[in-house]
PDB file of N, CA and C in Angstrom:
ATOM      1  N   MET A   1      15.716 -20.597 129.536  1.00  0.00           N
ATOM      2  CA  MET A   1      14.911 -19.569 128.801  1.00  0.00           C
ATOM      3  C   MET A   1      13.824 -20.361 127.996  1.00  0.00           C
ATOM      4  N   ASP A   2      12.828 -19.445 128.017  1.00  0.00           N
ATOM      5  CA  ASP A   2      11.526 -19.639 127.227  1.00  0.00           C
ATOM      6  C   ASP A   2      11.814 -20.000 125.668  1.00  0.00           C
ATOM      7  N   ALA A   3      11.051 -20.957 125.483  1.00  0.00           N
ATOM      8  CA  ALA A   3      11.420 -21.278 123.969  1.00  0.00           C
ATOM      9  C   ALA A   3      10.937 -20.295 123.007  1.00  0.00           C
ATOM     10  N   ASP A   4       9.942 -19.414 123.211  1.00  0.00           N
ATOM     11  CA  ASP A   4       9.613 -18.284 122.473  1.00  0.00           C
ATOM     12  C   ASP A   4      10.374 -17.023 122.681  1.00  0.00           C
ATOM     13  N   THR A   5      11.231 -17.148 123.422  1.00  0.00           N
ATOM     14  CA  THR A   5      11.989 -15.885 123.852  1.00  0.00           C
ATOM     15  C   THR A   5      13.423 -15.778 122.909  1.00  0.00           C
ATOM     16  N   LEU A   6      13.648 -14.899 122.329  1.00  0.00           N
ATOM     17  CA  LEU A   6      14.784 -14.662 121.414  1.00  0.00           C
ATOM     18  C   LEU A   6      15.928 -14.390 122.146  1.00  0.00           C
ATOM     19  N   TYR A   7      17.010 -15.141 121.992  1.00  0.00           N
ATOM     20  CA  TYR A   7      18.310 -14.700 122.856  1.00  0.00           C
ATOM     21  C   TYR A   7      19.387 -15.252 122.163  1.00  0.00           C
ATOM     22  N   VAL A   8      20.475 -14.759 122.233  1.00  0.00           N
ATOM     23  CA  VAL A   8      21.809 -15.052 121.736  1.00  0.00           C
ATOM     24  C   VAL A   8      22.218 -16.337 122.459  1.00  0.00           C
ATOM     25  N   VAL A   9      22.689 -17.284 121.474  1.00  0.00           N
ATOM     26  CA  VAL A   9      23.184 -18.440 121.837  1.00  0.00           C
ATOM     27  C   VAL A   9      24.712 -18.791 121.856  1.00  0.00           C
ATOM     28  N   LYS A  10      25.193 -17.738 120.714  1.00  0.00           N
ATOM     29  CA  LYS A  10      26.619 -17.859 120.404  1.00  0.00           C
ATOM     30  C   LYS A  10      27.208 -16.465 119.694  1.00  0.00           C
ATOM     31  N   ALA A  11      28.050 -16.178 120.045  1.00  0.00           N
ATOM     32  CA  ALA A  11      28.764 -14.996 119.185  1.00  0.00           C
ATOM     33  C   ALA A  11      30.358 -15.163 118.851  1.00  0.00           C
ATOM     34  N   GLU A  12      30.758 -14.754 117.774  1.00  0.00           N
ATOM     35  CA  GLU A  12      32.303 -14.906 117.323  1.00  0.00           C
ATOM     36  C   GLU A  12      32.686 -13.510 116.698  1.00  0.00           C
ATOM     37  N   TYR A  13      33.847 -13.261 117.017  1.00  0.00           N
ATOM     38  CA  TYR A  13      34.331 -12.015 116.667  1.00  0.00           C
ATOM     39  C   TYR A  13      34.637 -12.105 114.974  1.00  0.00           C
ATOM     40  N   ALA A  14      34.151 -11.128 114.239  1.00  0.00           N
ATOM     41  CA  ALA A  14      34.257 -11.120 112.886  1.00  0.00           C
ATOM     42  C   ALA A  14      35.208 -10.060 112.103  1.00  0.00           C
ATOM     43  N   GLY A  15      35.948  -9.539 113.106  1.00  0.00           N
ATOM     44  CA  GLY A  15      36.930  -8.470 112.396  1.00  0.00           C
ATOM     45  C   GLY A  15      36.544  -7.157 112.924  1.00  0.00           C
ATOM     46  N   ASN A  16      37.631  -6.405 113.304  1.00  0.00           N
ATOM     47  CA  ASN A  16      37.231  -4.915 113.496  1.00  0.00           C
ATOM     48  C   ASN A  16      36.353  -4.700 114.707  1.00  0.00           C
ATOM     49  N   VAL A  17      35.128  -4.187 114.500  1.00  0.00           N
ATOM     50  CA  VAL A  17      34.358  -4.209 115.633  1.00  0.00           C
ATOM     51  C   VAL A  17      33.019  -4.811 115.231  1.00  0.00           C
ATOM     52  N   SER A  18      33.031  -5.980 114.613  1.00  0.00           N
ATOM     53  CA  SER A  18      31.948  -6.605 114.263  1.00  0.00           C
ATOM     54  C   SER A  18      31.785  -8.177 114.943  1.00  0.00           C
ATOM     55  N   LEU A  19      30.797  -8.605 114.926  1.00  0.00           N
ATOM     56  CA  LEU A  19      30.412  -9.886 115.623  1.00  0.00           C
ATOM     57  C   LEU A  19      29.496 -10.737 114.711  1.00  0.00           C
ATOM     58  N   ARG A  20      29.810 -11.985 114.551  1.00  0.00           N
ATOM     59  CA  ARG A  20      28.629 -12.873 114.144  1.00  0.00           C
ATOM     60  C   ARG A  20      27.902 -13.482 115.289  1.00  0.00           C
ATOM     61  N   ILE A  21      26.642 -13.027 115.249  1.00  0.00           N
ATOM     62  CA  ILE A  21      25.660 -13.577 116.282  1.00  0.00           C
ATOM     63  C   ILE A  21      24.785 -14.647 115.815  1.00  0.00           C
ATOM     64  N   TYR A  22      24.829 -15.669 116.700  1.00  0.00           N
ATOM     65  CA  TYR A  22      23.669 -16.675 116.513  1.00  0.00           C
ATOM     66  C   TYR A  22      22.747 -16.650 117.378  1.00  0.00           C
ATOM     67  N   PHE A  23      21.266 -16.773 117.218  1.00  0.00           N
ATOM     68  CA  PHE A  23      20.264 -16.555 117.720  1.00  0.00           C
ATOM     69  C   PHE A  23      19.384 -18.023 118.030  1.00  0.00           C
ATOM     70  N   SER A  24      18.595 -17.812 119.132  1.00  0.00           N
ATOM     71  CA  SER A  24      17.852 -19.153 119.480  1.00  0.00           C
ATOM     72  C   SER A  24      16.816 -19.582 118.645  1.00  0.00           C
ATOM     73  N   ASP A  25      16.453 -18.633 117.343  1.00  0.00           N
ATOM     74  CA  ASP A  25      15.712 -19.104 116.540  1.00  0.00           C
ATOM     75  C   ASP A  25      16.213 -19.655 115.258  1.00  0.00           C
ATOM     76  N   GLY A  26      17.712 -19.993 115.474  1.00  0.00           N
ATOM     77  CA  GLY A  26      18.583 -20.689 114.398  1.00  0.00           C
ATOM     78  C   GLY A  26      19.175 -19.462 113.324  1.00  0.00           C
ATOM     79  N   THR A  27      18.756 -18.349 113.308  1.00  0.00           N
ATOM     80  CA  THR A  27      19.259 -17.322 112.493  1.00  0.00           C
ATOM     81  C   THR A  27      20.674 -16.840 113.087  1.00  0.00           C
ATOM     82  N   SER A  28      21.391 -16.179 112.130  1.00  0.00           N
ATOM     83  CA  SER A  28      22.404 -15.500 112.487  1.00  0.00           C
ATOM     84  C   SER A  28      22.868 -14.214 111.726  1.00  0.00           C
ATOM     85  N   LYS A  29      23.536 -13.277 112.210  1.00  0.00           N
ATOM     86  CA  LYS A  29      23.649 -12.035 111.511  1.00  0.00           C
ATOM     87  C   LYS A  29      25.065 -11.478 111.846  1.00  0.00           C
ATOM     88  N   THR A  30      25.770 -10.927 110.957  1.00  0.00           N
ATOM     89  CA  THR A  30      26.990 -10.002 111.372  1.00  0.00           C
ATOM     90  C   THR A  30      26.567  -8.655 111.472  1.00  0.00           C
ATOM     91  N   VAL A  31      26.899  -8.190 112.720  1.00  0.00           N
ATOM     92  CA  VAL A  31      26.639  -6.838 113.256  1.00  0.00           C
ATOM     93  C   VAL A  31      27.979  -6.012 113.254  1.00  0.00           C
ATOM     94  N   ASP A  32      28.041  -4.905 112.770  1.00  0.00           N
ATOM     95  CA  ASP A  32      29.066  -3.845 112.633  1.00  0.00           C
ATOM     96  C   ASP A  32      28.618  -2.886 113.821  1.00  0.00           C
ATOM     97  N   PHE A  33      29.498  -2.833 114.800  1.00  0.00           N
ATOM     98  CA  PHE A  33      29.139  -2.000 115.956  1.00  0.00           C
ATOM     99  C   PHE A  33      29.802  -0.468 115.715  1.00  0.00           C
ATOM    100  N   ALA A  34      30.811  -0.508 114.822  1.00  0.00           N
ATOM    101  CA  ALA A  34      31.358   0.791 114.514  1.00  0.00           C
ATOM    102  C   ALA A  34      30.509   1.981 114.619  1.00  0.00           C
ATOM    103  N   PRO A  35      29.528   1.930 113.531  1.00  0.00           N
ATOM    104  CA  PRO A  35      28.688   3.098 113.351  1.00  0.00           C
ATOM    105  C   PRO A  35      28.065   3.607 114.663  1.00  0.00           C
ATOM    106  N   PHE A  36      27.752   2.671 115.497  1.00  0.00           N
ATOM    107  CA  PHE A  36      27.123   3.107 116.697  1.00  0.00           C
ATOM    108  C   PHE A  36      28.242   3.683 117.719  1.00  0.00           C
ATOM    109  N   ILE A  37      29.255   3.162 117.772  1.00  0.00           N
ATOM    110  CA  ILE A  37      30.338   3.674 118.838  1.00  0.00           C
ATOM    111  C   ILE A  37      30.820   5.139 118.153  1.00  0.00           C
ATOM    112  N   LEU A  38      31.051   5.205 117.196  1.00  0.00           N
ATOM    113  CA  LEU A  38      31.434   6.538 116.387  1.00  0.00           C
ATOM    114  C   LEU A  38      30.385   7.588 116.493  1.00  0.00           C
ATOM    115  N   THR A  39      29.163   7.380 116.250  1.00  0.00           N
ATOM    116  CA  THR A  39      27.949   8.246 116.391  1.00  0.00           C
ATOM    117  C   THR A  39      27.524   8.593 117.638  1.00  0.00           C
ATOM    118  N   HIS A  40      28.035   7.818 118.832  1.00  0.00           N
ATOM    119  CA  HIS A  40      27.562   7.990 120.254  1.00  0.00           C
ATOM    120  C   HIS A  40      28.918   7.991 121.165  1.00  0.00           C
ATOM    121  N   PRO A  41      29.527   9.234 120.994  1.00  0.00           N
ATOM    122  CA  PRO A  41      30.648   9.252 121.644  1.00  0.00           C
ATOM    123  C   PRO A  41      30.490   9.478 123.126  1.00  0.00           C
ATOM    124  N   HIS A  42      31.149   8.417 123.864  1.00  0.00           N
ATOM    125  CA  HIS A  42      30.839   8.427 125.367  1.00  0.00           C
ATOM    126  C   HIS A  42      32.018   7.931 125.930  1.00  0.00           C
ATOM    127  N   PRO A  43      32.820   8.061 126.974  1.00  0.00           N
ATOM    128  CA  PRO A  43      33.859   7.530 127.553  1.00  0.00           C
ATOM    129  C   PRO A  43      33.708   5.865 127.659  1.00  0.00           C
ATOM    130  N   GLN A  44      32.401   5.500 128.047  1.00  0.00           N
ATOM    131  CA  GLN A  44      32.242   3.961 128.243  1.00  0.00           C
ATOM    132  C   GLN A  44      32.141   3.200 127.078  1.00  0.00           C
ATOM    133  N   TYR A  45      31.642   3.955 126.026  1.00  0.00           N
ATOM    134  CA  TYR A  45      31.811   3.169 124.571  1.00  0.00           C
ATOM    135  C   TYR A  45      33.287   3.378 123.793  1.00  0.00           C
ATOM    136  N   ASN A  46      33.813   4.518 123.901  1.00  0.00           N
ATOM    137  CA  ASN A  46      34.906   4.763 123.091  1.00  0.00           C
ATOM    138  C   ASN A  46      35.821   3.876 123.157  1.00  0.00           C
ATOM    139  N   ARG A  47      36.460   3.120 124.340  1.00  0.00           N
ATOM    140  CA  ARG A  47      37.356   2.263 124.237  1.00  0.00           C
ATOM    141  C   ARG A  47      36.949   1.079 123.326  1.00  0.00           C
ATOM    142  N   TYR A  48      35.764   0.690 123.148  1.00  0.00           N
ATOM    143  CA  TYR A  48      35.458  -0.304 122.330  1.00  0.00           C
ATOM    144  C   TYR A  48      35.712  -0.545 120.952  1.00  0.00           C
ATOM    145  N   ILE A  49      35.876   0.941 120.334  1.00  0.00           N
ATOM    146  CA  ILE A  49      36.366   0.725 119.025  1.00  0.00           C
ATOM    147  C   ILE A  49      37.735   0.308 118.755  1.00  0.00           C
ATOM    148  N   GLU A  50      38.444   0.045 119.734  1.00  0.00           N
ATOM    149  CA  GLU A  50      39.653  -0.860 119.679  1.00  0.00           C
ATOM    150  C   GLU A  50      39.405  -2.068 119.683  1.00  0.00           C
ATOM    151  N   PRO A  51      39.696  -2.910 118.526  1.00  0.00           N
ATOM    152  CA  PRO A  51      39.570  -4.185 118.609  1.00  0.00           C
ATOM    153  C   PRO A  51      39.945  -5.194 119.819  1.00  0.00           C
ATOM    154  N   LYS A  52      41.171  -4.764 120.468  1.00  0.00           N
ATOM    155  CA  LYS A  52      41.638  -5.598 121.706  1.00  0.00           C
ATOM    156  C   LYS A  52      40.578  -5.338 122.785  1.00  0.00           C
ATOM    157  N   TYR A  53      39.882  -4.385 122.770  1.00  0.00           N
ATOM    158  CA  TYR A  53      38.883  -4.178 123.860  1.00  0.00           C
ATOM    159  C   TYR A  53      37.533  -4.799 123.558  1.00  0.00           C
ATOM    160  N   PHE A  54      37.304  -4.486 122.284  1.00  0.00           N
ATOM    161  CA  PHE A  54      35.826  -4.895 121.720  1.00  0.00           C
ATOM    162  C   PHE A  54      35.841  -6.492 121.646  1.00  0.00           C
ATOM    163  N   LYS A  55      36.949  -7.249 121.517  1.00  0.00           N
ATOM    164  CA  LYS A  55      36.748  -8.699 121.491  1.00  0.00           C
ATOM    165  C   LYS A  55      36.522  -9.123 122.858  1.00  0.00           C
ATOM    166  N   LYS A  56      36.523  -8.452 123.896  1.00  0.00           N
ATOM    167  CA  LYS A  56      36.197  -8.718 125.309  1.00  0.00           C
ATOM    168  C   LYS A  56      34.850  -8.840 125.852  1.00  0.00           C
ATOM    169  N   PHE A  57      34.107  -9.265 124.807  1.00  0.00           N
ATOM    170  CA  PHE A  57      32.657  -9.303 125.232  1.00  0.00           C
ATOM    171  C   PHE A  57      32.384 -10.772 125.923  1.00  0.00           C
ATOM    172  N   SER A  58      31.090 -10.881 126.303  1.00  0.00           N
ATOM    173  CA  SER A  58      30.631 -12.080 126.930  1.00  0.00           C
ATOM    174  C   SER A  58      29.145 -12.091 126.670  1.00  0.00           C
ATOM    175  N   ILE A  59      28.647 -13.261 126.992  1.00  0.00           N
ATOM    176  CA  ILE A  59      27.158 -13.552 126.623  1.00  0.00           C
ATOM    177  C   ILE A  59      26.528 -13.648 128.117  1.00  0.00           C
ATOM    178  N   GLU A  60      25.717 -12.940 128.518  1.00  0.00           N
ATOM    179  CA  GLU A  60      25.025 -13.133 129.774  1.00  0.00           C
ATOM    180  C   GLU A  60      23.529 -12.902 129.616  1.00  0.00           C
ATOM    181  N   TYR A  61      22.950 -13.935 130.307  1.00  0.00           N
ATOM    182  CA  TYR A  61      21.296 -13.686 130.142  1.00  0.00           C
ATOM    183  C   TYR A  61      20.917 -13.758 128.856  1.00  0.00           C
ATOM    184  N   GLY A  62      21.550 -14.373 127.908  1.00  0.00           N
ATOM    185  CA  GLY A  62      21.124 -14.455 126.543  1.00  0.00           C
ATOM    186  C   GLY A  62      21.456 -13.223 125.828  1.00  0.00           C
ATOM    187  N   ASN A  63      22.243 -12.285 126.235  1.00  0.00           N
ATOM    188  CA  ASN A  63      22.696 -10.965 125.491  1.00  0.00           C
ATOM    189  C   ASN A  63      24.102 -10.871 125.634  1.00  0.00           C
ATOM    190  N   ILE A  64      24.537 -10.002 124.555  1.00  0.00           N
ATOM    191  CA  ILE A  64      25.983  -9.740 124.537  1.00  0.00           C
ATOM    192  C   ILE A  64      26.329  -8.513 125.059  1.00  0.00           C
ATOM    193  N   VAL A  65      27.169  -8.558 126.076  1.00  0.00           N
ATOM    194  CA  VAL A  65      27.854  -7.297 126.937  1.00  0.00           C
ATOM    195  C   VAL A  65      29.153  -7.197 126.980  1.00  0.00           C
ATOM    196  N   TRP A  66      29.469  -5.720 127.282  1.00  0.00           N
ATOM    197  CA  TRP A  66      30.980  -5.528 127.341  1.00  0.00           C
ATOM    198  C   TRP A  66      31.203  -4.911 128.533  1.00  0.00           C
ATOM    199  N   GLY A  67      32.288  -5.186 129.275  1.00  0.00           N
ATOM    200  CA  GLY A  67      32.404  -4.512 130.637  1.00  0.00           C
ATOM    201  C   GLY A  67      31.840  -5.179 131.779  1.00  0.00           C
ATOM    202  N   LYS A  68      32.353  -5.152 132.931  1.00  0.00           N
ATOM    203  CA  LYS A  68      31.573  -5.560 134.169  1.00  0.00           C
ATOM    204  C   LYS A  68      30.503  -5.271 134.658  1.00  0.00           C
ATOM    205  N   ASN A  69      30.318  -3.950 134.175  1.00  0.00           N
ATOM    206  CA  ASN A  69      28.818  -3.256 134.541  1.00  0.00           C
ATOM    207  C   ASN A  69      28.205  -3.269 133.355  1.00  0.00           C
ATOM    208  N   TRP A  70      28.288  -4.064 132.335  1.00  0.00           N
ATOM    209  CA  TRP A  70      27.452  -3.839 131.133  1.00  0.00           C
ATOM    210  C   TRP A  70      27.616  -2.439 130.388  1.00  0.00           C
ATOM    211  N   ASP A  71      28.709  -2.047 130.235  1.00  0.00           N
ATOM    212  CA  ASP A  71      29.136  -0.826 129.835  1.00  0.00           C
ATOM    213  C   ASP A  71      28.459  -0.536 128.393  1.00  0.00           C
ATOM    214  N   MET A  72      28.362  -1.628 127.819  1.00  0.00           N
ATOM    215  CA  MET A  72      27.750  -1.577 126.469  1.00  0.00           C
ATOM    216  C   MET A  72      26.872  -2.857 126.221  1.00  0.00           C
ATOM    217  N   ALA A  73      25.705  -2.817 125.890  1.00  0.00           N
ATOM    218  CA  ALA A  73      24.744  -3.684 125.563  1.00  0.00           C
ATOM    219  C   ALA A  73      23.659  -3.205 124.747  1.00  0.00           C
ATOM    220  N   PHE A  74      22.856  -4.057 124.086  1.00  0.00           N
ATOM    221  CA  PHE A  74      21.800  -3.670 122.853  1.00  0.00           C
ATOM    222  C   PHE A  74      20.684  -4.645 123.067  1.00  0.00           C
ATOM    223  N   PRO A  75      19.539  -4.056 122.836  1.00  0.00           N
ATOM    224  CA  PRO A  75      18.226  -4.807 122.671  1.00  0.00           C
ATOM    225  C   PRO A  75      18.432  -6.077 121.765  1.00  0.00           C
ATOM    226  N   ILE A  76      17.982  -7.238 122.052  1.00  0.00           N
ATOM    227  CA  ILE A  76      17.980  -8.537 121.204  1.00  0.00           C
ATOM    228  C   ILE A  76      17.630  -8.127 119.922  1.00  0.00           C
ATOM    229  N   GLU A  77      16.451  -7.327 119.835  1.00  0.00           N
ATOM    230  CA  GLU A  77      15.760  -7.035 118.500  1.00  0.00           C
ATOM    231  C   GLU A  77      16.650  -6.301 117.599  1.00  0.00           C
ATOM    232  N   GLN A  78      17.423  -5.347 118.012  1.00  0.00           N
ATOM    233  CA  GLN A  78      18.436  -4.578 117.206  1.00  0.00           C
ATOM    234  C   GLN A  78      19.378  -5.603 116.741  1.00  0.00           C
ATOM    235  N   LEU A  79      19.999  -6.451 117.466  1.00  0.00           N
ATOM    236  CA  LEU A  79      21.025  -7.441 117.159  1.00  0.00           C
ATOM    237  C   LEU A  79      20.414  -8.120 116.201  1.00  0.00           C
ATOM    238  N   HIS A  80      19.148  -8.807 116.382  1.00  0.00           N
ATOM    239  CA  HIS A  80      18.551  -9.521 115.394  1.00  0.00           C
ATOM    240  C   HIS A  80      18.382  -9.047 114.259  1.00  0.00           C
ATOM    241  N   ARG A  81      17.996  -7.815 114.006  1.00  0.00           N
ATOM    242  CA  ARG A  81      17.940  -6.968 112.863  1.00  0.00           C
ATOM    243  C   ARG A  81      19.209  -6.814 112.168  1.00  0.00           C
ATOM    244  N   GLY A  82      20.244  -6.801 112.845  1.00  0.00           N
ATOM    245  CA  GLY A  82      21.724  -6.716 112.398  1.00  0.00           C
ATOM    246  C   GLY A  82      22.152  -5.414 112.394  1.00  0.00           C
ATOM    247  N   VAL A  83      21.374  -4.335 112.862  1.00  0.00           N
ATOM    248  CA  VAL A  83      21.569  -2.850 112.918  1.00  0.00           C
ATOM    249  C   VAL A  83      21.476  -2.485 114.487  1.00  0.00           C
ATOM    250  N   VAL A  84      22.478  -1.798 115.130  1.00  0.00           N
ATOM    251  CA  VAL A  84      22.290  -1.398 116.507  1.00  0.00           C
ATOM    252  C   VAL A  84      22.409   0.281 116.361  1.00  0.00           C
ATOM    253  N   ALA A  85      21.449   0.786 117.218  1.00  0.00           N
ATOM    254  CA  ALA A  85      21.336   2.234 117.214  1.00  0.00           C
ATOM    255  C   ALA A  85      21.410   2.870 118.508  1.00  0.00           C
TER     256      ALA A  85
END
């Protein structure tokens, strides 16, 4: 990846539906995804309110994704701000 491109280098489960996310610029944020999931009810998101499913994220192409078909993913800029919408 380009040195100027912001991307996720690592993420760790931080409890409930939160992740500690480490970025390519050396910063990190803890992001709570519950507000997004609870205010955007949709079958593809609803299952991720359960920690057992939420924990099954992966990092692909510098982004955090859930599901084989990227059921849930967010713009890097939102993750970097620490709030997803």
